[in-house]
Protein backbone atom coordinates (compact mmCIF):
# COMPACT_ATOMS: atom_id res chain seq x y z
CA UNK A 1 -24.18 84.19 25.48
CA UNK A 2 -27.21 82.87 27.37
CA UNK A 3 -28.69 81.98 23.98
CA UNK A 4 -25.76 80.22 22.82
CA UNK A 5 -25.66 78.13 25.92
CA UNK A 6 -29.20 77.16 25.73
CA UNK A 7 -28.65 76.11 22.11
CA UNK A 8 -25.60 74.30 22.90
CA UNK A 9 -27.30 72.28 25.80
CA UNK A 10 -30.27 71.67 23.48
CA UNK A 11 -28.17 70.38 20.64
CA UNK A 12 -26.25 68.19 23.25
CA UNK A 13 -29.34 66.79 24.53
CA UNK A 14 -30.44 65.92 21.32
CA UNK A 15 -26.92 64.23 20.11
CA UNK A 16 -27.15 62.30 23.29
CA UNK A 17 -30.66 61.08 22.61
CA UNK A 18 -29.89 60.19 19.14
CA UNK A 19 -26.68 58.22 20.15
CA UNK A 20 -28.61 56.29 22.95
CA UNK A 21 -31.12 55.39 20.16
CA UNK A 22 -28.41 54.46 17.88
CA UNK A 23 -26.59 52.50 20.93
CA UNK A 24 -29.91 50.69 21.59
CA UNK A 25 -30.64 49.85 18.08
CA UNK A 26 -27.30 48.17 17.76
CA UNK A 27 -27.58 46.39 21.05
CA UNK A 28 -31.15 45.26 19.98
CA UNK A 29 -29.47 43.96 16.76
CA UNK A 30 -26.30 42.43 18.22
CA UNK A 31 -27.84 40.78 21.30
CA UNK A 32 -29.37 38.07 19.34
CA UNK A 33 -26.60 37.63 17.04
CA UNK A 34 -24.22 37.10 20.12
CA UNK A 35 -26.26 34.76 21.71
CA UNK A 36 -26.84 32.91 18.41
CA UNK A 37 -22.82 32.94 18.10
CA UNK A 38 -22.50 31.56 21.56
CA UNK A 39 -24.99 28.73 21.03
CA UNK A 40 -23.15 27.62 17.85
CA UNK A 41 -19.76 28.20 19.39
CA UNK A 42 -20.85 25.59 21.96
CA UNK A 43 -21.94 23.09 19.55
CA UNK A 44 -18.89 23.81 17.22
CA UNK A 45 -16.42 23.60 19.84
CA UNK A 46 -16.50 19.80 20.30
CA UNK A 47 -16.44 19.38 16.56
CA UNK A 48 -13.35 21.80 16.17
CA UNK A 49 -11.51 19.83 18.99
CA UNK A 50 -12.18 16.56 17.32
CA UNK A 51 -10.82 17.60 13.89
CA UNK A 52 -7.84 19.27 15.50
CA UNK A 53 -7.32 16.14 17.55
CA UNK A 54 -7.48 13.89 14.32
CA UNK A 55 -4.98 16.35 12.47
CA UNK A 56 -2.79 16.12 15.25
CA UNK A 57 -3.23 12.42 15.60
CA UNK A 58 -2.34 12.08 11.49
CA UNK A 59 0.78 13.91 11.97
CA UNK A 60 1.93 11.73 14.91
CA UNK A 61 0.89 8.84 12.94
CA UNK A 62 2.74 9.83 9.76
CA UNK A 63 5.65 11.12 11.83
CA UNK A 64 7.33 7.63 12.54
CA UNK A 65 7.55 6.62 8.99
CA UNK A 66 9.01 9.98 7.88
CA UNK A 67 11.84 9.59 10.77
CA UNK A 68 12.41 6.07 9.79
CA UNK A 69 13.00 7.02 6.11
CA UNK A 70 14.97 10.29 7.10
CA UNK A 71 17.22 8.14 9.20
CA UNK A 72 17.55 5.40 6.45
CA UNK A 73 18.67 8.08 3.64
CA UNK A 74 20.99 10.01 5.75
CA UNK A 75 22.62 6.49 6.54
CA UNK A 76 22.71 5.62 2.89
CA UNK A 77 24.09 9.14 2.18
CA UNK A 78 26.99 8.32 4.70
CA UNK A 79 27.57 4.97 3.05
CA UNK A 80 27.75 6.42 -0.42
CA UNK A 81 30.08 9.18 0.73
CA UNK A 82 32.54 6.71 2.28
CA UNK A 83 32.52 4.75 -0.84
CA UNK A 84 33.81 7.86 -2.47
CA UNK A 85 30.64 9.11 -4.30
CA UNK A 86 28.67 12.28 -4.08
CA UNK A 87 25.50 11.37 -2.15
CA UNK A 88 23.74 14.42 -3.67
CA UNK A 89 24.59 13.60 -7.15
CA UNK A 90 23.32 10.14 -6.42
CA UNK A 91 19.88 11.30 -4.88
CA UNK A 92 19.76 13.63 -7.64
CA UNK A 93 19.79 11.20 -10.43
CA UNK A 94 17.43 8.67 -8.76
CA UNK A 95 14.77 11.57 -8.33
CA UNK A 96 15.55 12.47 -11.94
CA UNK A 97 14.92 9.19 -13.53
CA UNK A 98 11.75 8.29 -11.16
CA UNK A 99 9.91 11.39 -11.07
CA UNK A 100 11.66 13.70 -13.72
CA UNK A 101 9.34 13.57 -16.69
CA UNK A 102 5.86 11.82 -17.26
CA UNK A 103 7.48 8.83 -18.80
CA UNK A 104 9.51 8.45 -15.62
CA UNK A 105 6.57 8.74 -13.46
CA UNK A 106 4.78 6.02 -15.62
CA UNK A 107 7.70 3.77 -15.38
CA UNK A 108 7.83 4.28 -11.55
CA UNK A 109 3.94 3.35 -11.13
CA UNK A 110 4.58 0.29 -13.47
CA UNK A 111 7.45 -0.85 -10.83
CA UNK A 112 5.37 0.03 -7.99
CA UNK A 113 2.48 -2.38 -8.84
CA UNK A 114 3.72 -5.59 -7.78
CA UNK A 115 4.90 -4.14 -4.44
CA UNK A 116 1.49 -2.72 -3.99
CA UNK A 117 -0.41 -6.00 -4.63
CA UNK A 118 1.84 -8.05 -2.41
CA UNK A 119 2.00 -5.13 0.22
CA UNK A 120 -1.76 -5.28 0.30
CA UNK A 121 -1.52 -9.20 0.82
CA UNK A 122 0.79 -8.74 3.80
CA UNK A 123 -0.96 -6.01 5.32
CA UNK A 124 -4.53 -7.36 5.58
CA UNK A 125 -3.05 -10.77 7.12
CA UNK A 126 -0.86 -8.98 9.56
CA UNK A 127 -3.87 -6.68 10.35
CA UNK A 128 -5.67 -9.97 11.53
CA UNK A 129 -2.68 -11.16 13.56
CA UNK A 130 -1.64 -13.56 10.97
CA UNK A 131 2.14 -13.43 10.08
CA UNK A 132 1.75 -14.42 6.40
CA UNK A 133 5.31 -14.65 5.18
CA UNK A 134 4.14 -16.53 2.22
CA UNK A 135 3.43 -13.73 -0.24
CA UNK A 136 6.36 -14.57 -2.31
CA UNK A 137 5.12 -18.16 -2.90
CA UNK A 138 1.48 -17.24 -3.66
CA UNK A 139 2.67 -14.53 -5.98
CA UNK A 140 4.63 -17.19 -8.15
CA UNK A 141 1.64 -19.27 -7.85
CA UNK A 142 -0.52 -16.76 -9.41
CA UNK A 143 2.06 -16.06 -12.18
CA UNK A 144 2.08 -20.04 -12.75
CA UNK A 145 -1.69 -20.13 -13.06
CA UNK A 146 -1.56 -17.35 -15.49
CA UNK A 147 1.03 -18.95 -17.49
CA UNK A 148 -0.76 -22.11 -17.53
CA UNK A 149 -3.99 -20.53 -18.61
CA UNK A 150 -2.21 -18.12 -21.16
CA UNK A 151 -0.49 -20.92 -22.95
CA UNK A 152 -2.53 -23.92 -22.69
CA UNK A 153 -6.46 -22.62 -22.07
CA UNK A 154 -6.54 -19.41 -23.91
CA UNK A 155 -6.47 -21.00 -27.22
CA UNK A 156 -9.99 -22.25 -26.51
CA UNK A 157 -10.95 -18.53 -26.58
CA UNK A 158 -9.20 -17.14 -29.59
CA UNK A 159 -9.30 -13.43 -29.87
CA UNK A 160 -11.76 -12.90 -27.00
CA UNK A 161 -10.09 -10.63 -24.46
CA UNK A 162 -13.14 -10.08 -22.76
CA UNK A 163 -13.47 -13.66 -21.91
CA UNK A 164 -9.67 -14.46 -21.56
CA UNK A 165 -8.65 -11.69 -19.23
CA UNK A 166 -11.06 -12.08 -16.32
CA UNK A 167 -10.65 -15.97 -16.31
CA UNK A 168 -6.91 -15.61 -16.28
CA UNK A 169 -7.20 -13.13 -13.55
CA UNK A 170 -9.54 -15.61 -11.88
CA UNK A 171 -7.52 -18.43 -12.23
CA UNK A 172 -4.62 -16.60 -10.67
CA UNK A 173 -6.81 -15.36 -7.68
CA UNK A 174 -7.82 -18.82 -7.16
CA UNK A 175 -4.41 -20.20 -7.17
CA UNK A 176 -2.84 -17.69 -4.88
CA UNK A 177 -5.81 -18.08 -2.59
CA UNK A 178 -5.44 -21.98 -2.37
CA UNK A 179 -1.75 -21.50 -1.79
CA UNK A 180 -2.51 -19.10 0.89
CA UNK A 181 -5.15 -21.29 2.70
CA UNK A 182 -2.96 -24.29 3.03
CA UNK A 183 -0.91 -22.72 6.03
CA UNK A 184 -4.42 -21.53 7.53
CA UNK A 185 -5.53 -25.02 7.57
CA UNK A 186 -2.17 -26.30 9.04
CA UNK A 187 -2.73 -23.65 11.79
CA UNK A 188 -6.37 -24.17 12.53
CA UNK A 189 -6.24 -28.05 12.55
CA UNK A 190 -2.78 -29.00 13.67
CA UNK A 191 -1.41 -25.69 15.29
CA UNK A 192 1.43 -25.17 13.01
CA UNK A 193 3.07 -21.74 13.27
CA UNK A 194 2.29 -19.83 10.00
CA UNK A 195 5.74 -18.10 9.96
CA UNK A 196 7.49 -21.57 9.36
CA UNK A 197 4.57 -23.05 6.96
CA UNK A 198 4.48 -20.05 4.96
CA UNK A 199 8.08 -19.73 4.46
CA UNK A 200 8.58 -23.55 3.62
CA UNK A 201 5.63 -22.93 1.25
CA UNK A 202 7.79 -20.28 -0.49
CA UNK A 203 10.56 -22.80 -1.21
CA UNK A 204 8.16 -25.29 -2.73
CA UNK A 205 6.63 -22.69 -4.90
CA UNK A 206 9.78 -21.48 -6.16
CA UNK A 207 11.22 -25.20 -7.12
CA UNK A 208 7.77 -26.03 -8.41
CA UNK A 209 7.79 -23.22 -10.83
CA UNK A 210 11.18 -24.06 -11.69
CA UNK A 211 10.24 -27.74 -12.51
CA UNK A 212 7.39 -26.57 -14.63
CA UNK A 213 9.27 -24.39 -16.79
CA UNK A 214 12.69 -26.43 -16.81
CA UNK A 215 11.74 -29.70 -18.51
CA UNK A 216 8.17 -29.50 -17.44
CA UNK A 217 4.95 -29.07 -19.33
CA UNK A 218 5.07 -25.33 -19.28
CA UNK A 219 8.69 -25.14 -20.93
CA UNK A 220 8.68 -23.33 -24.12
CA UNK A 221 8.09 -25.37 -27.39
CA UNK A 222 11.64 -24.96 -28.38
CA UNK A 223 13.00 -26.28 -25.36
CA UNK A 224 15.86 -23.96 -25.41
CA UNK A 225 15.77 -22.60 -21.82
CA UNK A 226 14.07 -22.74 -18.67
CA UNK A 227 11.23 -20.41 -19.42
CA UNK A 228 7.58 -20.71 -20.97
CA UNK A 229 6.13 -19.83 -24.22
CA UNK A 230 4.64 -16.07 -24.20
CA UNK A 231 0.98 -16.05 -23.13
CA UNK A 232 -1.66 -15.43 -25.92
CA UNK A 233 -1.88 -11.91 -27.04
CA UNK A 234 -5.72 -11.79 -26.30
CA UNK A 235 -4.80 -12.30 -22.56
CA UNK A 236 -2.50 -9.18 -22.35
CA UNK A 237 -3.59 -6.38 -19.85
CA UNK A 238 -4.24 -3.30 -22.14
CA UNK A 239 -2.07 0.07 -21.45
CA UNK A 240 -3.86 2.82 -20.14
CA UNK A 241 -1.85 5.20 -22.66
CA UNK A 242 -0.13 4.10 -25.93
CA UNK A 243 2.90 6.14 -25.26
CA UNK A 244 3.57 4.82 -21.77
CA UNK A 245 3.90 1.23 -20.13
CA UNK A 246 1.35 2.18 -17.49
CA UNK A 247 -1.30 -0.56 -17.62
CA UNK A 248 -4.75 -1.55 -16.39
CA UNK A 249 -3.23 -3.54 -13.59
CA UNK A 250 -1.88 -0.44 -11.68
CA UNK A 251 -5.33 1.20 -11.77
CA UNK A 252 -6.99 -2.09 -10.62
CA UNK A 253 -4.41 -2.29 -7.68
CA UNK A 254 -5.25 1.10 -6.46
CA UNK A 255 -8.86 0.57 -6.52
CA UNK A 256 -8.03 -2.62 -4.54
CA UNK A 257 -6.49 -0.54 -1.99
CA UNK A 258 -9.33 1.74 -1.58
CA UNK A 259 -11.85 -1.21 -1.25
CA UNK A 260 -9.70 -2.93 1.17
CA UNK A 261 -9.77 0.43 3.27
CA UNK A 262 -13.36 0.62 3.16
CA UNK A 263 -13.86 -3.22 4.16
CA UNK A 264 -11.31 -2.92 6.87
CA UNK A 265 -12.73 0.19 8.62
CA UNK A 266 -16.48 0.45 7.59
CA UNK A 267 -17.82 -3.29 7.58
CA UNK A 268 -18.55 -5.80 10.24
CA UNK A 269 -16.12 -8.42 8.21
CA UNK A 270 -13.25 -5.80 8.53
CA UNK A 271 -14.02 -5.20 12.31
CA UNK A 272 -13.90 -8.95 13.07
CA UNK A 273 -10.56 -9.16 11.18
CA UNK A 274 -9.01 -6.11 13.36
CA UNK A 275 -10.75 -7.47 16.42
CA UNK A 276 -8.88 -10.91 16.02
CA UNK A 277 -5.43 -8.88 15.26
CA UNK A 278 -5.71 -6.57 18.30
CA UNK A 279 -6.64 -9.42 20.51
CA UNK A 280 -7.73 -13.03 19.62
CA UNK A 281 -8.75 -13.98 23.08
CA UNK A 282 -11.12 -10.95 23.73
CA UNK A 283 -12.41 -11.42 20.06
CA UNK A 284 -13.11 -15.13 20.66
CA UNK A 285 -14.90 -14.17 23.98
CA UNK A 286 -17.12 -11.72 21.91
CA UNK A 287 -18.20 -14.46 19.64
CA UNK A 288 -15.87 -13.94 16.83
CA UNK A 289 -14.61 -17.13 15.28
CA UNK A 290 -10.88 -17.29 15.18
CA UNK A 291 -10.75 -20.19 13.07
CA UNK A 292 -13.18 -18.94 10.10
CA UNK A 293 -11.41 -15.55 10.10
CA UNK A 294 -7.98 -17.10 9.78
CA UNK A 295 -9.11 -19.20 6.75
CA UNK A 296 -10.72 -16.24 5.22
CA UNK A 297 -7.78 -13.69 5.81
CA UNK A 298 -5.26 -16.39 4.55
CA UNK A 299 -7.32 -17.05 1.28
CA UNK A 300 -7.88 -13.16 0.60
CA UNK A 301 -4.01 -12.63 1.38
CA UNK A 302 -3.14 -15.43 -1.15
CA UNK A 303 -5.45 -14.32 -3.74
CA UNK A 304 -4.41 -10.53 -3.56
CA UNK A 305 -0.71 -11.95 -4.15
CA UNK A 306 -1.63 -14.36 -6.80
CA UNK A 307 -3.56 -11.54 -8.36
CA UNK A 308 -0.54 -9.38 -8.32
CA UNK A 309 1.71 -12.21 -10.06
CA UNK A 310 -1.00 -12.46 -12.85
CA UNK A 311 -1.04 -8.66 -13.46
CA UNK A 312 2.74 -8.78 -13.64
CA UNK A 313 2.91 -11.32 -16.55
CA UNK A 314 -0.24 -10.23 -18.34
CA UNK A 315 0.83 -6.70 -18.41
CA UNK A 316 4.62 -6.41 -19.15
CA UNK A 317 6.84 -7.80 -22.03
CA UNK A 318 8.04 -10.55 -22.61
CA UNK A 319 4.77 -12.02 -21.19
CA UNK A 320 6.46 -15.34 -20.24
CA UNK A 321 7.39 -16.91 -17.02
CA UNK A 322 11.12 -17.36 -16.33
CA UNK A 323 13.32 -18.65 -13.45
CA UNK A 324 13.77 -15.52 -11.07
CA UNK A 325 10.50 -14.01 -12.31
CA UNK A 326 10.16 -12.39 -8.93
CA UNK A 327 13.14 -10.23 -7.41
CA UNK A 328 11.64 -11.28 -4.01
CA UNK A 329 8.40 -8.89 -4.27
CA UNK A 330 6.81 -11.06 -1.50
CA UNK A 331 9.72 -10.28 1.13
CA UNK A 332 9.83 -6.67 0.41
CA UNK A 333 6.11 -6.55 0.69
CA UNK A 334 6.49 -7.14 4.58
CA UNK A 335 8.45 -3.83 4.63
CA UNK A 336 5.98 -2.02 2.42
CA UNK A 337 3.10 -3.27 4.81
CA UNK A 338 4.85 -2.50 7.93
CA UNK A 339 6.09 1.10 6.73
CA UNK A 340 2.38 1.71 5.82
CA UNK A 341 1.44 0.68 9.40
CA UNK A 342 -0.83 -1.87 7.67
CA UNK A 343 -3.15 0.47 6.23
CA UNK A 344 -4.27 -0.35 2.71
CA UNK A 345 -4.29 3.22 1.41
CA UNK A 346 -1.03 4.05 2.86
CA UNK A 347 0.30 0.92 1.07
CA UNK A 348 -0.19 2.82 -2.07
CA UNK A 349 2.45 5.48 -0.95
CA UNK A 350 5.06 2.83 0.35
CA UNK A 351 4.62 0.77 -2.52
CA UNK A 352 5.36 3.86 -4.94
CA UNK A 353 8.32 4.49 -2.57
CA UNK A 354 9.65 1.08 -3.03
CA UNK A 355 9.06 1.11 -6.77
CA UNK A 356 11.02 4.44 -6.86
CA UNK A 357 13.89 2.86 -4.88
CA UNK A 358 14.25 -0.10 -7.29
CA UNK A 359 14.02 2.26 -10.12
CA UNK A 360 16.57 4.80 -8.72
CA UNK A 361 19.17 2.20 -8.06
CA UNK A 362 19.64 1.85 -11.73
CA UNK A 363 20.09 5.45 -12.19
CA UNK A 364 22.84 5.57 -9.41
CA UNK A 365 24.79 2.84 -11.27
CA UNK A 366 24.35 4.34 -14.82
CA UNK A 367 24.82 8.16 -14.07
CA UNK A 368 26.90 8.11 -10.78
CA UNK A 369 28.76 4.78 -11.19
CA UNK A 370 27.67 3.22 -8.01
CA UNK A 371 28.23 -0.46 -8.13
CA UNK A 372 25.27 -2.61 -8.15
CA UNK A 373 26.42 -4.21 -4.57
CA UNK A 374 26.31 -0.87 -3.10
CA UNK A 375 22.84 -0.18 -4.22
CA UNK A 376 21.39 -3.29 -2.89
CA UNK A 377 22.98 -2.66 0.34
CA UNK A 378 21.23 0.66 0.44
CA UNK A 379 17.82 -1.09 -0.17
CA UNK A 380 18.79 -3.58 2.34
CA UNK A 381 19.40 -0.68 4.86
CA UNK A 382 15.96 0.72 4.28
CA UNK A 383 14.41 -2.54 4.84
CA UNK A 384 16.59 -2.84 8.13
CA UNK A 385 15.28 0.44 9.33
CA UNK A 386 11.72 -0.28 8.72
CA UNK A 387 11.63 -3.83 10.03
CA UNK A 388 13.84 -2.90 12.89
CA UNK A 389 11.58 -0.07 14.04
CA UNK A 390 8.50 -2.27 13.71
CA UNK A 391 10.17 -5.11 15.81
CA UNK A 392 11.03 -2.39 18.57
CA UNK A 393 7.40 -1.32 18.62
CA UNK A 394 6.02 -4.76 18.65
CA UNK A 395 8.31 -5.90 21.63
CA UNK A 396 7.78 -2.84 23.58
CA UNK A 397 3.97 -3.35 23.37
CA UNK A 398 4.85 -7.17 24.56
CA UNK A 399 6.53 -5.88 27.69
CA UNK A 400 3.98 -3.31 28.74
């Protein structure tokens, strides 16, 4: 018994010694690891906090447009129901024709392109605090310039798309930019409110286009109606895929949205534009020229709208200018830009939405039987919600 106890005590002491050595080994290994983890945590913690804050701010930033659209769609659903139609069937038909197949998506992208170009035009002007309501007129002047080049000048460059297409786009950019800079000059030199001048210029552009194609020099050769001849084939913008109507202009519009995002938020020029928009007096005190930035932003804004007009006539059949060529793209662009919170990249998404709405309304008419007047009223309600929410935010900021 004494021998057993002695062996037990000896084994116990050996085990304890081994456990102590194992424990000390782990402490020896883990201590620097824990110290390193603690040090890394102190360095990583601010980064993680910043990332979480950015994620939260993004969700809060995106929440307002989502709530606006949800409210608008619920209201439209109630209207559809009151007119005796099934809102679920109506929305299902609209979704099916806009996103139900590759061809449907392609058509939706085509319908979204003019909304994107005019939306970018409005967004960059509003960012600078310039209320350019003239995207409609600038869009039409771009179409007019492209028509003039495509029917009168392109014959000087027969079958040379690599020359004719860039030149046609350049003429449209110049025409839209010049039409856009007119209200800027009036504002800088005479103090004319740009809202009034751009709206007036819209009407001038509409009637000038009508004059040019109805008895004017751009009317078709046969003189049978108020429209132009088709532009030369070598001025057409190519399709990206033979089996779909999606064209090069759509890709160009998306690239421009990315470039404008970079310019606005990563360059000195963009900083100056945003500074003028957020506080003209403070920007001027900091040495930023209000006049120069007003002229520059109106030219860029008009050029974008003019380019959108050229893309539309160069890419899509019948490739000719007609009366009512634009179904108020320039006015709808205000809602497109406001819903995107004047962010060029977000404008891609909101333009896609409005393109889908424009296309989906035809499905509601054809498949559900909803009248054209009801679908137009539904689109107007969405615009009302978007602009109304932006107006409330604007006046709340002014009163604070």
